Amino acid sequence: MATLRQLEYLVTVVDLGSFTKAAELLHVTQPALSHQIRALERSTGSTLLERLPRAVRLTPTGRAMLPHARAALADAERAHCAARQAAGLEVGELQIATLYSISLGILPTALKAWRRTHPGVGIRLFEHRHTDELTKAMSAGQADLAVGPSPPDWPGTIHTLGEEELVVVVAADDPAAARGRKTVRLKDLADRAWVHYTPGHGLADVLNQACAKAGFEPRVAVHTEQTAAAPTLAAAGLGPALVPSNILPTAFDGRVLRTDPPTRRTLTAYTRGAPDPLAAAFIDVLSTTWS
């Protein structure tokens, strides 16, 4: 039977893509690491990792096992925290999985309010690029709750927080913002090159879908991986950007235009089952700070 140590070794090798790097991080010798992986493979009766000259690659069996390995490690960590809490050594830890844009937007206000009422509770934040990645990680047991767009066919509990509005940012002298305009139709920007997000970024899909609904495919002036960079690049004149209104800096040189009709997405907090007391309390804080 697989041990937690073996599962930790497997996950670390996969995440780092290297036995050498994994051994360094885990503070074990590479032969010892390889021995444990081979022992794990013997216990499963199948090869889990394909050793390539400069990388490692999961086999189909390895891909099937990986999410369960992550879930087992996450459950073990939660059990450890619960035991320490019962022994009076700490008051707990809340694990939250979310998207980069949300950790930049709505979460800071909620975490600030949470810290005032739960100063002894640690926070561990797991950030993801795309909604699909977030949902898969939450299904695999990565965190106590997830904050993001509503996942389709989710078997657990979903709490709707509200609608997040996305706005268009342009340079101060952009024609779209002429004569003090405060709104813009996306179709009126069909001939423009946009500040876009890199493929695989969740907001790339949001922009593409919004533009498709307006009847065009956005041309790309520049791709950015960083959500926070999009409004800055747009304000610098590289092209319009579609960004969540709650990530905008308090002061920058761009103009902000609401879309006509509004562009919105529904955000939720969700758990695999009924939320435990800590998760439920944080959902209440999220709901209060959202409103």
Protein backbone atom coordinates (compact mmCIF):
# COMPACT_ATOMS: atom_id res chain seq x y z
CA MET A 1 0.00 0.00 0.00
CA ALA A 2 1.22 3.50 -0.82
CA THR A 3 2.59 5.59 2.03
CA LEU A 4 2.09 9.34 2.42
CA ARG A 5 5.83 9.81 1.95
CA GLN A 6 5.72 8.00 -1.40
CA LEU A 7 2.73 10.07 -2.51
CA GLU A 8 4.55 13.26 -1.48
CA TYR A 9 7.58 12.17 -3.49
CA LEU A 10 5.43 11.44 -6.56
CA VAL A 11 3.64 14.80 -6.42
CA THR A 12 6.91 16.69 -5.92
CA VAL A 13 8.62 14.99 -8.87
CA VAL A 14 5.62 15.77 -11.09
CA ASP A 15 5.36 19.41 -9.95
CA LEU A 16 9.08 20.08 -10.45
CA GLY A 17 9.47 17.86 -13.51
CA SER A 18 12.77 16.50 -12.25
CA PHE A 19 14.04 13.85 -9.83
CA THR A 20 17.09 16.01 -9.10
CA LYS A 21 15.08 19.12 -8.20
CA ALA A 22 12.59 17.07 -6.18
CA ALA A 23 15.37 15.41 -4.19
CA GLU A 24 16.86 18.83 -3.38
CA LEU A 25 13.51 20.21 -2.24
CA LEU A 26 12.72 17.14 -0.15
CA HIS A 27 16.24 17.01 1.34
CA VAL A 28 16.80 13.37 0.33
CA THR A 29 19.30 11.76 -2.01
CA GLN A 30 18.22 11.09 -5.56
CA PRO A 31 18.75 7.30 -5.17
CA ALA A 32 16.51 7.31 -2.09
CA LEU A 33 13.84 9.25 -3.97
CA SER A 34 14.03 6.89 -6.96
CA HIS A 35 13.81 3.89 -4.62
CA GLN A 36 10.58 5.19 -3.07
CA ILE A 37 9.03 5.91 -6.46
CA ARG A 38 9.90 2.40 -7.66
CA ALA A 39 8.41 0.96 -4.45
CA LEU A 40 5.23 2.92 -5.14
CA GLU A 41 5.14 1.60 -8.70
CA ARG A 42 5.56 -1.97 -7.43
CA SER A 43 2.68 -1.52 -5.00
CA THR A 44 0.41 -0.27 -7.80
CA GLY A 45 1.62 -2.90 -10.25
CA SER A 46 2.27 -0.34 -12.97
CA THR A 47 4.77 2.31 -14.07
CA LEU A 48 3.72 5.79 -12.94
CA LEU A 49 6.48 7.95 -14.44
CA GLU A 50 8.22 7.79 -17.79
CA ARG A 51 11.86 8.80 -17.33
CA LEU A 52 12.92 10.99 -20.26
CA PRO A 53 16.44 12.40 -20.87
CA ARG A 54 15.59 15.87 -19.59
CA ALA A 55 12.18 15.45 -17.98
CA VAL A 56 9.66 13.07 -16.49
CA ARG A 57 6.21 12.36 -17.84
CA LEU A 58 3.20 10.77 -16.18
CA THR A 59 1.97 7.52 -17.68
CA PRO A 60 -1.82 6.99 -17.99
CA THR A 61 -1.71 5.16 -14.64
CA GLY A 62 0.24 8.03 -13.14
CA ARG A 63 -2.27 10.56 -14.43
CA ALA A 64 -5.09 8.54 -12.87
CA MET A 65 -3.29 8.35 -9.52
CA LEU A 66 -2.04 11.94 -9.24
CA PRO A 67 -5.30 13.68 -8.16
CA HIS A 68 -5.86 11.03 -5.49
CA ALA A 69 -2.29 11.50 -4.26
CA ARG A 70 -2.86 15.25 -3.96
CA ALA A 71 -6.16 14.67 -2.13
CA ALA A 72 -4.55 12.24 0.32
CA LEU A 73 -1.77 14.71 1.13
CA ALA A 74 -4.28 17.54 1.59
CA ASP A 75 -6.42 15.39 3.90
CA ALA A 76 -3.35 14.42 5.91
CA GLU A 77 -2.41 18.07 6.32
CA ARG A 78 -5.92 18.92 7.51
CA ALA A 79 -5.84 16.02 9.97
CA HIS A 80 -2.53 17.30 11.31
CA CYS A 81 -3.95 20.80 11.78
CA ALA A 82 -7.04 19.39 13.52
CA ALA A 83 -4.90 17.38 15.92
CA ARG A 84 -2.75 20.40 16.75
CA GLN A 85 -5.87 22.48 17.26
CA ALA A 86 -7.34 19.88 19.63
CA ALA A 87 -4.06 19.86 21.55
CA GLY A 88 -4.22 23.62 21.90
CA LEU A 89 -1.16 24.22 19.73
CA GLU A 90 -2.94 26.36 17.13
CA VAL A 91 -6.40 27.56 16.27
CA GLY A 92 -6.56 26.26 12.74
CA GLU A 93 -5.87 27.05 9.13
CA LEU A 94 -8.27 27.91 6.32
CA GLN A 95 -7.27 26.77 2.83
CA ILE A 96 -8.75 28.74 -0.07
CA ALA A 97 -8.43 27.97 -3.78
CA THR A 98 -9.20 30.77 -6.22
CA LEU A 99 -8.25 32.52 -9.47
CA TYR A 100 -5.48 35.08 -9.87
CA SER A 101 -7.95 37.83 -10.76
CA ILE A 102 -10.04 37.12 -7.66
CA SER A 103 -7.06 37.06 -5.29
CA LEU A 104 -6.28 40.50 -6.69
CA GLY A 105 -9.89 41.73 -6.69
CA ILE A 106 -12.47 40.68 -4.10
CA LEU A 107 -10.38 38.57 -1.72
CA PRO A 108 -8.12 41.23 -0.12
CA THR A 109 -11.08 43.09 1.38
CA ALA A 110 -12.60 39.86 2.68
CA LEU A 111 -9.28 38.67 4.13
CA LYS A 112 -8.76 41.99 5.87
CA ALA A 113 -12.19 41.68 7.52
CA TRP A 114 -11.49 38.03 8.35
CA ARG A 115 -8.20 38.87 10.06
CA ARG A 116 -9.98 41.29 12.39
CA THR A 117 -12.43 38.64 13.62
CA HIS A 118 -10.23 35.51 13.34
CA PRO A 119 -6.67 36.69 14.08
CA GLY A 120 -5.44 33.24 15.08
CA VAL A 121 -6.55 31.40 11.95
CA GLY A 122 -3.87 30.94 9.31
CA ILE A 123 -4.70 31.36 5.63
CA ARG A 124 -3.26 29.24 2.83
CA LEU A 125 -4.08 30.52 -0.64
CA PHE A 126 -3.90 28.42 -3.82
CA GLU A 127 -4.16 30.49 -7.02
CA HIS A 128 -5.06 29.21 -10.47
CA ARG A 129 -5.11 30.65 -14.00
CA HIS A 130 -8.36 29.14 -15.22
CA THR A 131 -11.74 28.09 -13.83
CA ASP A 132 -11.23 24.52 -15.07
CA GLU A 133 -7.92 24.25 -13.18
CA LEU A 134 -9.58 25.63 -10.04
CA THR A 135 -12.45 23.15 -10.22
CA LYS A 136 -10.14 20.17 -10.77
CA ALA A 137 -7.91 21.20 -7.87
CA MET A 138 -10.91 21.61 -5.59
CA SER A 139 -12.28 18.21 -6.64
CA ALA A 140 -8.88 16.69 -5.81
CA GLY A 141 -9.06 18.02 -2.25
CA GLN A 142 -6.64 20.92 -2.51
CA ALA A 143 -8.53 23.37 -0.28
CA ASP A 144 -11.41 23.78 2.15
CA LEU A 145 -13.33 26.04 -0.22
CA ALA A 146 -12.98 27.62 -3.63
CA VAL A 147 -13.92 31.12 -4.74
CA GLY A 148 -14.60 31.56 -8.43
CA PRO A 149 -17.20 31.34 -11.20
CA SER A 150 -19.89 28.75 -10.59
CA PRO A 151 -18.57 25.31 -11.60
CA PRO A 152 -20.90 23.29 -13.86
CA ASP A 153 -22.37 20.08 -12.42
CA TRP A 154 -20.67 20.62 -9.07
CA PRO A 155 -21.72 17.86 -6.63
CA GLY A 156 -21.03 19.86 -3.48
CA THR A 157 -22.38 23.06 -1.95
CA ILE A 158 -22.39 26.32 -3.92
CA HIS A 159 -23.01 29.74 -2.35
CA THR A 160 -23.63 32.56 -4.84
CA LEU A 161 -21.78 35.73 -3.87
CA GLY A 162 -22.95 38.07 -6.61
CA GLU A 163 -22.05 39.43 -10.02
CA GLU A 164 -18.64 40.86 -10.84
CA GLU A 165 -18.64 43.57 -13.51
CA LEU A 166 -15.93 43.75 -16.16
CA VAL A 167 -15.07 47.13 -17.65
CA VAL A 168 -13.05 48.41 -20.59
CA VAL A 169 -9.86 50.35 -19.85
CA VAL A 170 -8.35 52.66 -22.49
CA ALA A 171 -5.77 55.43 -22.57
CA ALA A 172 -6.85 58.86 -21.41
CA ASP A 173 -6.68 60.23 -24.97
CA ASP A 174 -8.36 57.25 -26.61
CA PRO A 175 -11.15 58.18 -29.03
CA ALA A 176 -13.48 55.74 -27.25
CA ALA A 177 -13.33 57.98 -24.19
CA ALA A 178 -13.80 61.26 -26.06
CA ARG A 179 -16.24 63.91 -24.82
CA GLY A 180 -16.42 62.40 -21.38
CA ARG A 181 -18.05 59.14 -22.47
CA LYS A 182 -18.58 56.65 -19.65
CA THR A 183 -19.85 53.63 -21.64
CA VAL A 184 -18.84 51.82 -24.81
CA ARG A 185 -20.30 49.07 -26.96
CA LEU A 186 -17.83 46.26 -27.53
CA LYS A 187 -18.82 46.09 -31.20
CA ASP A 188 -17.59 49.67 -31.59
CA LEU A 189 -14.11 48.38 -30.69
CA ALA A 190 -14.17 45.54 -33.21
CA ASP A 191 -11.45 47.13 -35.38
CA ARG A 192 -9.07 47.64 -32.45
CA ALA A 193 -6.13 45.51 -31.32
CA TRP A 194 -6.62 44.51 -27.68
CA VAL A 195 -4.54 43.98 -24.60
CA HIS A 196 -5.30 40.27 -24.35
CA TYR A 197 -4.48 37.55 -21.84
CA THR A 198 -2.24 34.60 -22.57
CA PRO A 199 -3.97 31.40 -23.75
CA GLY A 200 -5.03 29.34 -20.75
CA HIS A 201 -5.74 32.44 -18.65
CA GLY A 202 -9.37 32.46 -17.55
CA LEU A 203 -9.91 36.09 -18.56
CA ALA A 204 -8.78 35.26 -22.10
CA ASP A 205 -11.92 33.14 -22.42
CA VAL A 206 -14.05 35.90 -20.86
CA LEU A 207 -12.78 38.45 -23.39
CA ASN A 208 -13.16 36.09 -26.34
CA GLN A 209 -16.71 35.17 -25.35
CA ALA A 210 -17.75 38.79 -24.78
CA CYS A 211 -16.38 39.84 -28.16
CA ALA A 212 -17.96 36.83 -29.90
CA LYS A 213 -21.30 37.85 -28.43
CA ALA A 214 -20.71 41.32 -29.90
CA GLY A 215 -20.01 39.74 -33.30
CA PHE A 216 -16.22 39.81 -33.67
CA GLU A 217 -12.96 38.14 -32.71
CA PRO A 218 -10.52 40.44 -30.92
CA ARG A 219 -7.18 41.15 -32.58
CA VAL A 220 -4.22 41.07 -30.23
CA ALA A 221 -1.86 43.98 -29.57
CA VAL A 222 -0.09 42.25 -26.69
CA HIS A 223 -0.62 39.20 -24.48
CA THR A 224 -0.14 39.41 -20.72
CA GLU A 225 -0.03 36.68 -18.11
CA GLN A 226 -0.56 39.14 -15.26
CA THR A 227 -4.11 40.33 -14.61
CA ALA A 228 -2.83 43.46 -12.87
CA ALA A 229 -0.77 44.41 -15.93
CA ALA A 230 -3.77 44.60 -18.29
CA PRO A 231 -5.18 47.98 -17.14
CA THR A 232 -1.68 49.47 -16.99
CA LEU A 233 -0.89 48.37 -20.55
CA ALA A 234 -4.25 49.67 -21.75
CA ALA A 235 -3.69 53.02 -20.03
CA ALA A 236 -0.32 53.23 -21.79
CA GLY A 237 -2.13 53.16 -25.12
CA LEU A 238 -1.45 49.61 -26.31
CA GLY A 239 -5.16 48.95 -26.81
CA PRO A 240 -8.37 48.45 -24.86
CA ALA A 241 -8.46 45.84 -22.09
CA LEU A 242 -11.41 44.08 -20.48
CA VAL A 243 -10.77 43.76 -16.73
CA PRO A 244 -12.74 43.12 -13.53
CA SER A 245 -13.66 46.50 -12.11
CA ASN A 246 -12.47 45.49 -8.63
CA ILE A 247 -8.81 45.02 -9.67
CA LEU A 248 -8.30 48.59 -10.85
CA PRO A 249 -5.63 50.55 -8.97
CA THR A 250 -6.83 53.55 -7.01
CA ALA A 251 -4.92 55.91 -9.29
CA PHE A 252 -3.71 55.35 -12.84
CA ASP A 253 -3.65 57.26 -16.11
CA GLY A 254 -6.33 55.35 -18.00
CA ARG A 255 -10.04 55.85 -18.54
CA VAL A 256 -12.62 53.30 -17.41
CA LEU A 257 -15.69 52.64 -19.53
CA ARG A 258 -18.63 50.42 -18.63
CA THR A 259 -19.76 48.18 -21.45
CA ASP A 260 -23.21 48.57 -23.00
CA PRO A 261 -24.79 46.14 -22.28
CA PRO A 262 -22.88 45.37 -19.05
CA THR A 263 -20.38 42.49 -19.04
CA ARG A 264 -20.67 40.44 -15.86
CA ARG A 265 -19.82 37.05 -14.41
CA THR A 266 -21.34 35.36 -11.36
CA LEU A 267 -18.90 34.48 -8.59
CA THR A 268 -19.48 31.79 -5.99
CA ALA A 269 -17.89 30.10 -3.01
CA TYR A 270 -18.11 26.31 -3.12
CA THR A 271 -17.08 23.30 -1.08
CA ARG A 272 -17.00 19.54 -1.71
CA GLY A 273 -19.66 18.87 0.93
CA ALA A 274 -21.31 20.97 3.59
CA PRO A 275 -18.79 23.66 4.61
CA ASP A 276 -17.07 23.13 7.95
CA PRO A 277 -17.40 25.90 10.58
CA LEU A 278 -14.30 27.80 9.43
CA ALA A 279 -15.27 27.70 5.76
CA ALA A 280 -18.85 28.68 6.58
CA ALA A 281 -17.63 31.63 8.63
CA PHE A 282 -15.40 32.81 5.78
CA ILE A 283 -18.29 32.52 3.30
CA ASP A 284 -20.29 34.79 5.60
CA VAL A 285 -17.45 37.33 5.59
CA LEU A 286 -17.22 37.12 1.80
CA SER A 287 -20.96 37.73 1.45
CA THR A 288 -20.83 40.70 3.81
CA THR A 289 -17.84 42.39 2.17
CA TRP A 290 -19.28 41.77 -1.31
CA SER A 291 -22.50 43.60 -0.45
